[in-house]
Amino acid sequence: MARGAFVGERYSRPLPKLRNTKPESGRYEEKPVPAGTLNAAQIRHIILLYQGKADDNDGPMNVKQIAEKFQIDVTMVQSILQFLSLPPEDSRTKQKNNNQQ
């Protein structure tokens, strides 16, 4: 007769690592990366520059300007803008902050 695990028994396998995917997860975002690649903070900045929402630039930038700024290929910027988006928490957080002021 095979014996299964009972509800009260201890499970010896380690728990999975908690991963912080919130915009405030700066510890890993600024991690240095090899030349020609981008970290999470740089990808977020590219999206904000394209949308014209970056703090360090007035108005939106085009793909070529962004590629020159980050010294990457234009196709890389195009694929970032096509396939990635900022998490929805960003807009909710900004709305909360604006309502509290």
Protein backbone atom coordinates (compact mmCIF):
# COMPACT_ATOMS: atom_id res chain seq x y z
CA MET A 1 0.00 0.00 0.00
CA ALA A 2 1.53 3.29 -1.13
CA ARG A 3 1.60 6.07 1.37
CA GLY A 4 0.86 9.62 0.16
CA ALA A 5 1.73 12.90 1.83
CA PHE A 6 -0.69 13.93 4.53
CA VAL A 7 -1.84 17.49 4.96
CA GLY A 8 -0.03 17.91 8.27
CA GLU A 9 3.34 16.61 7.05
CA ARG A 10 6.24 18.97 6.43
CA TYR A 11 7.26 19.57 2.85
CA SER A 12 11.05 19.53 2.57
CA ARG A 13 11.31 21.30 -0.79
CA PRO A 14 12.41 24.98 -0.57
CA LEU A 15 9.88 27.70 -1.33
CA PRO A 16 10.26 29.58 -4.63
CA LYS A 17 12.11 32.88 -4.58
CA LEU A 18 9.92 35.93 -4.36
CA ARG A 19 10.38 38.12 -7.40
CA ASN A 20 9.64 41.80 -7.23
CA THR A 21 8.05 42.97 -10.49
CA LYS A 22 6.87 46.32 -9.22
CA PRO A 23 8.27 49.54 -10.71
CA GLU A 24 10.11 50.16 -7.43
CA SER A 25 12.32 47.07 -7.91
CA GLY A 26 15.41 49.21 -8.48
CA ARG A 27 17.92 46.78 -7.03
CA TYR A 28 17.96 44.62 -10.17
CA GLU A 29 16.94 47.22 -12.72
CA GLU A 30 20.17 49.21 -12.59
CA LYS A 31 22.34 46.10 -12.79
CA PRO A 32 25.21 46.64 -15.28
CA VAL A 33 24.81 44.72 -18.55
CA PRO A 34 27.18 43.96 -21.44
CA ALA A 35 27.54 46.48 -24.26
CA GLY A 36 24.75 46.30 -26.82
CA THR A 37 22.19 45.07 -24.28
CA LEU A 38 19.79 46.92 -22.00
CA ASN A 39 18.67 46.55 -18.39
CA ALA A 40 15.07 46.93 -17.21
CA ALA A 41 15.47 50.59 -16.25
CA GLN A 42 16.81 51.45 -19.71
CA ILE A 43 13.92 49.64 -21.41
CA ARG A 44 11.42 51.55 -19.26
CA HIS A 45 13.20 54.80 -20.15
CA ILE A 46 13.03 53.98 -23.89
CA ILE A 47 9.26 53.48 -23.68
CA LEU A 48 8.82 56.73 -21.74
CA LEU A 49 10.99 58.67 -24.22
CA TYR A 50 8.94 57.37 -27.14
CA GLN A 51 5.69 58.29 -25.38
CA GLY A 52 7.04 61.73 -24.45
CA LYS A 53 6.62 61.04 -20.73
CA ALA A 54 10.29 60.93 -19.69
CA ASP A 55 11.42 63.52 -17.14
CA ASP A 56 14.69 64.26 -18.94
CA ASN A 57 13.20 65.08 -22.36
CA ASP A 58 10.49 67.43 -23.60
CA GLY A 59 8.11 65.69 -25.98
CA PRO A 60 8.37 62.30 -27.66
CA MET A 61 11.54 61.06 -29.37
CA ASN A 62 11.56 59.05 -32.58
CA VAL A 63 13.08 55.58 -32.87
CA LYS A 64 16.29 56.78 -34.54
CA GLN A 65 16.98 59.37 -31.82
CA ILE A 66 16.41 56.77 -29.08
CA ALA A 67 18.73 54.28 -30.81
CA GLU A 68 21.48 56.91 -31.03
CA LYS A 69 21.03 57.92 -27.39
CA PHE A 70 21.41 54.33 -26.12
CA GLN A 71 23.92 53.31 -28.85
CA ILE A 72 21.82 50.37 -30.01
CA ASP A 73 20.35 49.25 -33.32
CA VAL A 74 17.12 50.86 -34.57
CA THR A 75 15.52 47.42 -34.96
CA MET A 76 16.12 46.72 -31.26
CA VAL A 77 14.24 49.91 -30.31
CA GLN A 78 11.43 49.03 -32.73
CA SER A 79 11.02 45.56 -31.23
CA ILE A 80 11.03 46.98 -27.68
CA LEU A 81 8.28 49.42 -28.59
CA GLN A 82 6.32 46.79 -30.51
CA PHE A 83 6.45 43.90 -28.04
CA LEU A 84 6.83 45.51 -24.60
CA SER A 85 4.70 47.86 -22.56
CA LEU A 86 4.86 49.37 -19.12
CA PRO A 87 2.95 47.54 -16.40
CA PRO A 88 -0.54 48.95 -15.71
CA GLU A 89 0.46 49.74 -12.11
CA ASP A 90 2.35 52.80 -13.37
CA SER A 91 -0.79 54.60 -14.52
CA ARG A 92 -2.77 53.65 -11.40
CA THR A 93 0.01 54.86 -9.11
CA LYS A 94 0.21 58.19 -10.92
CA GLN A 95 -3.58 58.62 -10.73
CA LYS A 96 -3.54 57.88 -6.98
CA ASN A 97 -0.73 60.39 -6.44
CA ASN A 98 -2.53 63.06 -8.46
CA ASN A 99 -5.77 62.51 -6.51
CA GLN A 100 -3.99 62.80 -3.16
CA GLN A 101 -2.38 66.15 -4.00
